[in-house]
Amino acid sequence: MNTKRINLCFNLENERARKAFETIQKQVAKTAFITDAVLAYIDKDNEIYKEIVKEGVKEAIEELGLEMAVKKAEGKKEDTVIPDDVFEMLSGL
């Protein structure tokens, strides 16, 4: 068996690092979790990732009680108005 080991340090004073550390600590299968997370990160341009993000944004918009409409004129999309609440919600992710 060919096994490699990596040691990581997390600065728990950094909110993002602390959140990552706590998330990893909660996992029973830490190696599998890290493997899946890294592969999902580097494959984030694939269609599955795009679909997951798209569904998440749609659910968040619905939870906020907002509606978005895409207007089509002569087969072309016009500007879509996106409420400021959506951008505030996304910046909080």
PDB file of N, CA and C in Angstrom:
ATOM      1  N   MET A   1       0.846  -1.182   0.000  1.00  0.00           N
ATOM      2  CA  MET A   1       0.000   0.000   0.000  1.00  0.00           C
ATOM      3  C   MET A   1       0.888   1.242   0.000  1.00  0.00           C
ATOM      4  N   ASN A   2       0.591   2.169  -0.875  1.00  0.00           N
ATOM      5  CA  ASN A   2       1.346   3.407  -0.985  1.00  0.00           C
ATOM      6  C   ASN A   2       0.549   4.522  -0.306  1.00  0.00           C
ATOM      7  N   THR A   3       0.998   4.957   0.849  1.00  0.00           N
ATOM      8  CA  THR A   3       0.286   5.959   1.641  1.00  0.00           C
ATOM      9  C   THR A   3       1.168   7.176   1.858  1.00  0.00           C
ATOM     10  N   LYS A   4       0.572   8.346   1.734  1.00  0.00           N
ATOM     11  CA  LYS A   4       1.263   9.610   2.013  1.00  0.00           C
ATOM     12  C   LYS A   4       0.538  10.306   3.151  1.00  0.00           C
ATOM     13  N   ARG A   5       1.277  11.043   3.938  1.00  0.00           N
ATOM     14  CA  ARG A   5       0.706  11.740   5.086  1.00  0.00           C
ATOM     15  C   ARG A   5       0.992  13.236   4.945  1.00  0.00           C
ATOM     16  N   ILE A   6       0.004  14.052   5.320  1.00  0.00           N
ATOM     17  CA  ILE A   6       0.142  15.511   5.302  1.00  0.00           C
ATOM     18  C   ILE A   6      -0.220  16.035   6.688  1.00  0.00           C
ATOM     19  N   ASN A   7       0.588  16.930   7.210  1.00  0.00           N
ATOM     20  CA  ASN A   7       0.278  17.604   8.477  1.00  0.00           C
ATOM     21  C   ASN A   7      -0.192  19.012   8.161  1.00  0.00           C
ATOM     22  N   LEU A   8      -1.261  19.427   8.795  1.00  0.00           N
ATOM     23  CA  LEU A   8      -1.818  20.758   8.581  1.00  0.00           C
ATOM     24  C   LEU A   8      -1.889  21.508   9.899  1.00  0.00           C
ATOM     25  N   CYS A   9      -1.752  22.822   9.819  1.00  0.00           N
ATOM     26  CA  CYS A   9      -1.914  23.687  10.991  1.00  0.00           C
ATOM     27  C   CYS A   9      -3.028  24.681  10.690  1.00  0.00           C
ATOM     28  N   PHE A  10      -3.912  24.884  11.636  1.00  0.00           N
ATOM     29  CA  PHE A  10      -5.012  25.826  11.489  1.00  0.00           C
ATOM     30  C   PHE A  10      -4.877  26.913  12.545  1.00  0.00           C
ATOM     31  N   ASN A  11      -4.872  28.173  12.097  1.00  0.00           N
ATOM     32  CA  ASN A  11      -4.852  29.309  13.009  1.00  0.00           C
ATOM     33  C   ASN A  11      -6.286  29.522  13.490  1.00  0.00           C
ATOM     34  N   LEU A  12      -6.586  29.103  14.694  1.00  0.00           N
ATOM     35  CA  LEU A  12      -7.951  29.161  15.197  1.00  0.00           C
ATOM     36  C   LEU A  12      -8.416  30.580  15.502  1.00  0.00           C
ATOM     37  N   GLU A  13      -7.529  31.541  15.402  1.00  0.00           N
ATOM     38  CA  GLU A  13      -7.930  32.939  15.534  1.00  0.00           C
ATOM     39  C   GLU A  13      -8.501  33.460  14.219  1.00  0.00           C
ATOM     40  N   ASN A  14      -8.224  32.757  13.129  1.00  0.00           N
ATOM     41  CA  ASN A  14      -8.765  33.101  11.814  1.00  0.00           C
ATOM     42  C   ASN A  14     -10.108  32.383  11.670  1.00  0.00           C
ATOM     43  N   GLU A  15     -11.164  33.146  11.437  1.00  0.00           N
ATOM     44  CA  GLU A  15     -12.517  32.585  11.412  1.00  0.00           C
ATOM     45  C   GLU A  15     -12.671  31.486  10.359  1.00  0.00           C
ATOM     46  N   ARG A  16     -12.147  31.718   9.159  1.00  0.00           N
ATOM     47  CA  ARG A  16     -12.264  30.708   8.093  1.00  0.00           C
ATOM     48  C   ARG A  16     -11.502  29.438   8.449  1.00  0.00           C
ATOM     49  N   ALA A  17     -10.298  29.600   8.980  1.00  0.00           N
ATOM     50  CA  ALA A  17      -9.487  28.439   9.356  1.00  0.00           C
ATOM     51  C   ALA A  17     -10.158  27.671  10.489  1.00  0.00           C
ATOM     52  N   ARG A  18     -10.719  28.396  11.454  1.00  0.00           N
ATOM     53  CA  ARG A  18     -11.402  27.746  12.571  1.00  0.00           C
ATOM     54  C   ARG A  18     -12.624  26.970  12.082  1.00  0.00           C
ATOM     55  N   LYS A  19     -13.380  27.580  11.177  1.00  0.00           N
ATOM     56  CA  LYS A  19     -14.564  26.916  10.639  1.00  0.00           C
ATOM     57  C   LYS A  19     -14.166  25.653   9.868  1.00  0.00           C
ATOM     58  N   ALA A  20     -13.097  25.743   9.080  1.00  0.00           N
ATOM     59  CA  ALA A  20     -12.613  24.569   8.342  1.00  0.00           C
ATOM     60  C   ALA A  20     -12.181  23.475   9.310  1.00  0.00           C
ATOM     61  N   PHE A  21     -11.421  23.850  10.328  1.00  0.00           N
ATOM     62  CA  PHE A  21     -10.942  22.885  11.320  1.00  0.00           C
ATOM     63  C   PHE A  21     -12.110  22.191  12.017  1.00  0.00           C
ATOM     64  N   GLU A  22     -13.084  22.980  12.457  1.00  0.00           N
ATOM     65  CA  GLU A  22     -14.233  22.415  13.167  1.00  0.00           C
ATOM     66  C   GLU A  22     -15.042  21.484  12.267  1.00  0.00           C
ATOM     67  N   THR A  23     -15.164  21.853  11.003  1.00  0.00           N
ATOM     68  CA  THR A  23     -15.890  21.008  10.054  1.00  0.00           C
ATOM     69  C   THR A  23     -15.179  19.678   9.855  1.00  0.00           C
ATOM     70  N   ILE A  24     -13.871  19.729   9.702  1.00  0.00           N
ATOM     71  CA  ILE A  24     -13.086  18.504   9.521  1.00  0.00           C
ATOM     72  C   ILE A  24     -13.166  17.642  10.776  1.00  0.00           C
ATOM     73  N   GLN A  25     -13.066  18.259  11.940  1.00  0.00           N
ATOM     74  CA  GLN A  25     -13.089  17.518  13.202  1.00  0.00           C
ATOM     75  C   GLN A  25     -14.392  16.743  13.397  1.00  0.00           C
ATOM     76  N   LYS A  26     -15.487  17.256  12.863  1.00  0.00           N
ATOM     77  CA  LYS A  26     -16.791  16.606  13.022  1.00  0.00           C
ATOM     78  C   LYS A  26     -16.915  15.338  12.175  1.00  0.00           C
ATOM     79  N   GLN A  27     -16.065  15.203  11.178  1.00  0.00           N
ATOM     80  CA  GLN A  27     -16.162  14.079  10.248  1.00  0.00           C
ATOM     81  C   GLN A  27     -15.576  12.811  10.846  1.00  0.00           C
ATOM     82  N   VAL A  28     -16.273  11.715  10.654  1.00  0.00           N
ATOM     83  CA  VAL A  28     -15.756  10.420  11.102  1.00  0.00           C
ATOM     84  C   VAL A  28     -14.630   9.983  10.171  1.00  0.00           C
ATOM     85  N   ALA A  29     -14.867  10.071   8.863  1.00  0.00           N
ATOM     86  CA  ALA A  29     -13.880   9.680   7.856  1.00  0.00           C
ATOM     87  C   ALA A  29     -13.217  10.951   7.317  1.00  0.00           C
ATOM     88  N   LYS A  30     -12.252  11.461   8.056  1.00  0.00           N
ATOM     89  CA  LYS A  30     -11.619  12.737   7.717  1.00  0.00           C
ATOM     90  C   LYS A  30     -10.899  12.699   6.371  1.00  0.00           C
ATOM     91  N   THR A  31     -10.172  11.623   6.084  1.00  0.00           N
ATOM     92  CA  THR A  31      -9.440  11.529   4.821  1.00  0.00           C
ATOM     93  C   THR A  31     -10.406  11.533   3.641  1.00  0.00           C
ATOM     94  N   ALA A  32     -11.475  10.776   3.737  1.00  0.00           N
ATOM     95  CA  ALA A  32     -12.468  10.741   2.663  1.00  0.00           C
ATOM     96  C   ALA A  32     -13.118  12.110   2.491  1.00  0.00           C
ATOM     97  N   PHE A  33     -13.397  12.779   3.602  1.00  0.00           N
ATOM     98  CA  PHE A  33     -14.006  14.103   3.541  1.00  0.00           C
ATOM     99  C   PHE A  33     -13.080  15.096   2.841  1.00  0.00           C
ATOM    100  N   ILE A  34     -11.810  15.119   3.241  1.00  0.00           N
ATOM    101  CA  ILE A  34     -10.833  16.031   2.633  1.00  0.00           C
ATOM    102  C   ILE A  34     -10.664  15.710   1.153  1.00  0.00           C
ATOM    103  N   THR A  35     -10.586  14.427   0.819  1.00  0.00           N
ATOM    104  CA  THR A  35     -10.450  14.026  -0.580  1.00  0.00           C
ATOM    105  C   THR A  35     -11.628  14.538  -1.397  1.00  0.00           C
ATOM    106  N   ASP A  36     -12.842  14.315  -0.913  1.00  0.00           N
ATOM    107  CA  ASP A  36     -14.036  14.782  -1.619  1.00  0.00           C
ATOM    108  C   ASP A  36     -14.059  16.302  -1.739  1.00  0.00           C
ATOM    109  N   ALA A  37     -13.680  16.994  -0.667  1.00  0.00           N
ATOM    110  CA  ALA A  37     -13.698  18.456  -0.671  1.00  0.00           C
ATOM    111  C   ALA A  37     -12.693  19.020  -1.669  1.00  0.00           C
ATOM    112  N   VAL A  38     -11.494  18.464  -1.687  1.00  0.00           N
ATOM    113  CA  VAL A  38     -10.462  18.950  -2.609  1.00  0.00           C
ATOM    114  C   VAL A  38     -10.879  18.684  -4.051  1.00  0.00           C
ATOM    115  N   LEU A  39     -11.363  17.486  -4.328  1.00  0.00           N
ATOM    116  CA  LEU A  39     -11.773  17.161  -5.695  1.00  0.00           C
ATOM    117  C   LEU A  39     -12.962  18.007  -6.138  1.00  0.00           C
ATOM    118  N   ALA A  40     -13.895  18.269  -5.239  1.00  0.00           N
ATOM    119  CA  ALA A  40     -15.024  19.137  -5.574  1.00  0.00           C
ATOM    120  C   ALA A  40     -14.538  20.550  -5.862  1.00  0.00           C
ATOM    121  N   TYR A  41     -13.549  21.010  -5.105  1.00  0.00           N
ATOM    122  CA  TYR A  41     -13.009  22.353  -5.311  1.00  0.00           C
ATOM    123  C   TYR A  41     -12.327  22.472  -6.668  1.00  0.00           C
ATOM    124  N   ILE A  42     -11.496  21.494  -7.017  1.00  0.00           N
ATOM    125  CA  ILE A  42     -10.774  21.615  -8.293  1.00  0.00           C
ATOM    126  C   ILE A  42     -11.671  21.308  -9.485  1.00  0.00           C
ATOM    127  N   ASP A  43     -12.779  20.604  -9.252  1.00  0.00           N
ATOM    128  CA  ASP A  43     -13.720  20.295 -10.329  1.00  0.00           C
ATOM    129  C   ASP A  43     -14.913  21.237 -10.332  1.00  0.00           C
ATOM    130  N   LYS A  44     -14.785  22.375  -9.671  1.00  0.00           N
ATOM    131  CA  LYS A  44     -15.947  23.249  -9.511  1.00  0.00           C
ATOM    132  C   LYS A  44     -16.485  23.805 -10.822  1.00  0.00           C
ATOM    133  N   ASP A  45     -15.741  23.658 -11.908  1.00  0.00           N
ATOM    134  CA  ASP A  45     -16.240  24.120 -13.195  1.00  0.00           C
ATOM    135  C   ASP A  45     -17.128  23.082 -13.874  1.00  0.00           C
ATOM    136  N   ASN A  46     -17.224  21.900 -13.285  1.00  0.00           N
ATOM    137  CA  ASN A  46     -18.038  20.880 -13.939  1.00  0.00           C
ATOM    138  C   ASN A  46     -19.524  21.165 -13.762  1.00  0.00           C
ATOM    139  N   GLU A  47     -20.330  20.533 -14.569  1.00  0.00           N
ATOM    140  CA  GLU A  47     -21.766  20.798 -14.595  1.00  0.00           C
ATOM    141  C   GLU A  47     -22.464  20.434 -13.290  1.00  0.00           C
ATOM    142  N   ILE A  48     -22.017  19.384 -12.615  1.00  0.00           N
ATOM    143  CA  ILE A  48     -22.658  18.988 -11.363  1.00  0.00           C
ATOM    144  C   ILE A  48     -22.516  20.099 -10.329  1.00  0.00           C
ATOM    145  N   TYR A  49     -21.312  20.661 -10.210  1.00  0.00           N
ATOM    146  CA  TYR A  49     -21.085  21.749  -9.259  1.00  0.00           C
ATOM    147  C   TYR A  49     -21.962  22.941  -9.611  1.00  0.00           C
ATOM    148  N   LYS A  50     -22.001  23.291 -10.892  1.00  0.00           N
ATOM    149  CA  LYS A  50     -22.809  24.429 -11.323  1.00  0.00           C
ATOM    150  C   LYS A  50     -24.276  24.202 -10.983  1.00  0.00           C
ATOM    151  N   GLU A  51     -24.741  22.987 -11.162  1.00  0.00           N
ATOM    152  CA  GLU A  51     -26.135  22.672 -10.867  1.00  0.00           C
ATOM    153  C   GLU A  51     -26.413  22.751  -9.368  1.00  0.00           C
ATOM    154  N   ILE A  52     -25.480  22.294  -8.546  1.00  0.00           N
ATOM    155  CA  ILE A  52     -25.637  22.361  -7.089  1.00  0.00           C
ATOM    156  C   ILE A  52     -25.717  23.817  -6.638  1.00  0.00           C
ATOM    157  N   VAL A  53     -24.816  24.650  -7.157  1.00  0.00           N
ATOM    158  CA  VAL A  53     -24.813  26.071  -6.801  1.00  0.00           C
ATOM    159  C   VAL A  53     -26.099  26.730  -7.283  1.00  0.00           C
ATOM    160  N   LYS A  54     -26.496  26.418  -8.500  1.00  0.00           N
ATOM    161  CA  LYS A  54     -27.716  26.997  -9.065  1.00  0.00           C
ATOM    162  C   LYS A  54     -28.928  26.658  -8.195  1.00  0.00           C
ATOM    163  N   GLU A  55     -29.051  25.403  -7.799  1.00  0.00           N
ATOM    164  CA  GLU A  55     -30.169  24.989  -6.952  1.00  0.00           C
ATOM    165  C   GLU A  55     -30.111  25.663  -5.585  1.00  0.00           C
ATOM    166  N   GLY A  56     -28.912  25.793  -5.031  1.00  0.00           N
ATOM    167  CA  GLY A  56     -28.755  26.459  -3.740  1.00  0.00           C
ATOM    168  C   GLY A  56     -29.179  27.912  -3.790  1.00  0.00           C
ATOM    169  N   VAL A  57     -28.790  28.601  -4.854  1.00  0.00           N
ATOM    170  CA  VAL A  57     -29.161  30.011  -5.009  1.00  0.00           C
ATOM    171  C   VAL A  57     -30.672  30.131  -5.191  1.00  0.00           C
ATOM    172  N   LYS A  58     -31.249  29.251  -5.997  1.00  0.00           N
ATOM    173  CA  LYS A  58     -32.702  29.285  -6.198  1.00  0.00           C
ATOM    174  C   LYS A  58     -33.442  29.087  -4.881  1.00  0.00           C
ATOM    175  N   GLU A  59     -32.992  28.128  -4.069  1.00  0.00           N
ATOM    176  CA  GLU A  59     -33.633  27.882  -2.778  1.00  0.00           C
ATOM    177  C   GLU A  59     -33.502  29.087  -1.858  1.00  0.00           C
ATOM    178  N   ALA A  60     -32.325  29.709  -1.863  1.00  0.00           N
ATOM    179  CA  ALA A  60     -32.109  30.878  -1.011  1.00  0.00           C
ATOM    180  C   ALA A  60     -33.006  32.032  -1.437  1.00  0.00           C
ATOM    181  N   ILE A  61     -33.152  32.213  -2.735  1.00  0.00           N
ATOM    182  CA  ILE A  61     -34.011  33.282  -3.245  1.00  0.00           C
ATOM    183  C   ILE A  61     -35.458  33.016  -2.841  1.00  0.00           C
ATOM    184  N   GLU A  62     -35.877  31.762  -2.963  1.00  0.00           N
ATOM    185  CA  GLU A  62     -37.242  31.411  -2.570  1.00  0.00           C
ATOM    186  C   GLU A  62     -37.459  31.624  -1.075  1.00  0.00           C
ATOM    187  N   GLU A  63     -36.447  31.292  -0.260  1.00  0.00           N
ATOM    188  CA  GLU A  63     -36.555  31.493   1.187  1.00  0.00           C
ATOM    189  C   GLU A  63     -36.696  32.967   1.531  1.00  0.00           C
ATOM    190  N   LEU A  64     -36.062  33.820   0.743  1.00  0.00           N
ATOM    191  CA  LEU A  64     -36.164  35.256   0.981  1.00  0.00           C
ATOM    192  C   LEU A  64     -37.484  35.817   0.457  1.00  0.00           C
ATOM    193  N   GLY A  65     -38.242  34.984  -0.243  1.00  0.00           N
ATOM    194  CA  GLY A  65     -39.520  35.432  -0.773  1.00  0.00           C
ATOM    195  C   GLY A  65     -39.371  36.346  -1.968  1.00  0.00           C
ATOM    196  N   LEU A  66     -38.277  36.200  -2.692  1.00  0.00           N
ATOM    197  CA  LEU A  66     -38.023  37.049  -3.849  1.00  0.00           C
ATOM    198  C   LEU A  66     -38.361  36.300  -5.126  1.00  0.00           C
ATOM    199  N   GLU A  67     -38.637  37.052  -6.147  1.00  0.00           N
ATOM    200  CA  GLU A  67     -38.897  36.452  -7.446  1.00  0.00           C
ATOM    201  C   GLU A  67     -37.963  37.079  -8.460  1.00  0.00           C
ATOM    202  N   MET A  68     -37.519  36.255  -9.379  1.00  0.00           N
ATOM    203  CA  MET A  68     -36.689  36.758 -10.474  1.00  0.00           C
ATOM    204  C   MET A  68     -37.359  36.355 -11.772  1.00  0.00           C
ATOM    205  N   ALA A  69     -37.402  37.258 -12.685  1.00  0.00           N
ATOM    206  CA  ALA A  69     -37.989  36.956 -13.982  1.00  0.00           C
ATOM    207  C   ALA A  69     -36.986  37.311 -15.065  1.00  0.00           C
ATOM    208  N   VAL A  70     -36.889  36.440 -16.034  1.00  0.00           N
ATOM    209  CA  VAL A  70     -36.024  36.703 -17.175  1.00  0.00           C
ATOM    210  C   VAL A  70     -36.933  37.054 -18.331  1.00  0.00           C
ATOM    211  N   LYS A  71     -36.757  38.250 -18.850  1.00  0.00           N
ATOM    212  CA  LYS A  71     -37.578  38.706 -19.957  1.00  0.00           C
ATOM    213  C   LYS A  71     -36.867  38.366 -21.257  1.00  0.00           C
ATOM    214  N   LYS A  72     -37.640  37.870 -22.209  1.00  0.00           N
ATOM    215  CA  LYS A  72     -37.072  37.554 -23.510  1.00  0.00           C
ATOM    216  C   LYS A  72     -37.759  38.427 -24.546  1.00  0.00           C
ATOM    217  N   ALA A  73     -36.958  39.009 -25.386  1.00  0.00           N
ATOM    218  CA  ALA A  73     -37.483  39.816 -26.473  1.00  0.00           C
ATOM    219  C   ALA A  73     -36.738  39.420 -27.736  1.00  0.00           C
ATOM    220  N   GLU A  74     -37.483  39.019 -28.730  1.00  0.00           N
ATOM    221  CA  GLU A  74     -36.901  38.614 -30.006  1.00  0.00           C
ATOM    222  C   GLU A  74     -35.833  37.545 -29.816  1.00  0.00           C
ATOM    223  N   GLY A  75     -36.071  36.626 -28.903  1.00  0.00           N
ATOM    224  CA  GLY A  75     -35.151  35.514 -28.697  1.00  0.00           C
ATOM    225  C   GLY A  75     -33.897  35.851 -27.921  1.00  0.00           C
ATOM    226  N   LYS A  76     -33.746  37.071 -27.442  1.00  0.00           N
ATOM    227  CA  LYS A  76     -32.562  37.469 -26.676  1.00  0.00           C
ATOM    228  C   LYS A  76     -32.974  37.812 -25.258  1.00  0.00           C
ATOM    229  N   LYS A  77     -32.088  37.506 -24.324  1.00  0.00           N
ATOM    230  CA  LYS A  77     -32.354  37.844 -22.923  1.00  0.00           C
ATOM    231  C   LYS A  77     -32.099  39.325 -22.703  1.00  0.00           C
ATOM    232  N   GLU A  78     -33.019  39.952 -22.006  1.00  0.00           N
ATOM    233  CA  GLU A  78     -32.810  41.335 -21.600  1.00  0.00           C
ATOM    234  C   GLU A  78     -32.176  41.338 -20.226  1.00  0.00           C
ATOM    235  N   ASP A  79     -31.834  42.486 -19.755  1.00  0.00           N
ATOM    236  CA  ASP A  79     -31.257  42.592 -18.413  1.00  0.00           C
ATOM    237  C   ASP A  79     -32.236  42.043 -17.384  1.00  0.00           C
ATOM    238  N   THR A  80     -31.715  41.262 -16.479  1.00  0.00           N
ATOM    239  CA  THR A  80     -32.512  40.718 -15.391  1.00  0.00           C
ATOM    240  C   THR A  80     -32.228  41.538 -14.146  1.00  0.00           C
ATOM    241  N   VAL A  81     -33.271  41.955 -13.480  1.00  0.00           N
ATOM    242  CA  VAL A  81     -33.102  42.738 -12.267  1.00  0.00           C
ATOM    243  C   VAL A  81     -32.936  41.772 -11.097  1.00  0.00           C
ATOM    244  N   ILE A  82     -31.823  41.887 -10.403  1.00  0.00           N
ATOM    245  CA  ILE A  82     -31.550  41.041  -9.245  1.00  0.00           C
ATOM    246  C   ILE A  82     -31.599  41.928  -8.009  1.00  0.00           C
ATOM    247  N   PRO A  83     -32.479  41.608  -7.077  1.00  0.00           N
ATOM    248  CA  PRO A  83     -32.599  42.431  -5.869  1.00  0.00           C
ATOM    249  C   PRO A  83     -31.297  42.453  -5.066  1.00  0.00           C
ATOM    250  N   ASP A  84     -31.048  43.571  -4.387  1.00  0.00           N
ATOM    251  CA  ASP A  84     -29.842  43.716  -3.567  1.00  0.00           C
ATOM    252  C   ASP A  84     -29.759  42.664  -2.475  1.00  0.00           C
ATOM    253  N   ASP A  85     -30.915  42.191  -1.990  1.00  0.00           N
ATOM    254  CA  ASP A  85     -30.924  41.158  -0.947  1.00  0.00           C
ATOM    255  C   ASP A  85     -30.184  39.902  -1.385  1.00  0.00           C
ATOM    256  N   VAL A  86     -30.267  39.588  -2.670  1.00  0.00           N
ATOM    257  CA  VAL A  86     -29.592  38.393  -3.183  1.00  0.00           C
ATOM    258  C   VAL A  86     -28.087  38.550  -3.046  1.00  0.00           C
ATOM    259  N   PHE A  87     -27.572  39.725  -3.394  1.00  0.00           N
ATOM    260  CA  PHE A  87     -26.134  39.951  -3.291  1.00  0.00           C
ATOM    261  C   PHE A  87     -25.681  39.949  -1.833  1.00  0.00           C
ATOM    262  N   GLU A  88     -26.499  40.486  -0.945  1.00  0.00           N
ATOM    263  CA  GLU A  88     -26.164  40.464   0.481  1.00  0.00           C
ATOM    264  C   GLU A  88     -26.134  39.030   1.000  1.00  0.00           C
ATOM    265  N   MET A  89     -27.093  38.224   0.546  1.00  0.00           N
ATOM    266  CA  MET A  89     -27.151  36.826   0.958  1.00  0.00           C
ATOM    267  C   MET A  89     -25.927  36.071   0.441  1.00  0.00           C
ATOM    268  N   LEU A  90     -25.543  36.311  -0.810  1.00  0.00           N
ATOM    269  CA  LEU A  90     -24.384  35.629  -1.388  1.00  0.00           C
ATOM    270  C   LEU A  90     -23.090  36.050  -0.712  1.00  0.00           C
ATOM    271  N   SER A  91     -22.980  37.312  -0.340  1.00  0.00           N
ATOM    272  CA  SER A  91     -21.749  37.762   0.308  1.00  0.00           C
ATOM    273  C   SER A  91     -21.607  37.160   1.702  1.00  0.00           C
ATOM    274  N   GLY A  92     -22.717  36.710   2.280  1.00  0.00           N
ATOM    275  CA  GLY A  92     -22.677  36.083   3.594  1.00  0.00           C
ATOM    276  C   GLY A  92     -22.293  34.611   3.555  1.00  0.00           C
ATOM    277  N   LEU A  93     -22.156  34.047   2.356  1.00  0.00           N
ATOM    278  CA  LEU A  93     -21.803  32.621   2.236  1.00  0.00           C
ATOM    279  C   LEU A  93     -20.353  32.384   2.480  1.00  0.00           C
TER     280      LEU A  93
END
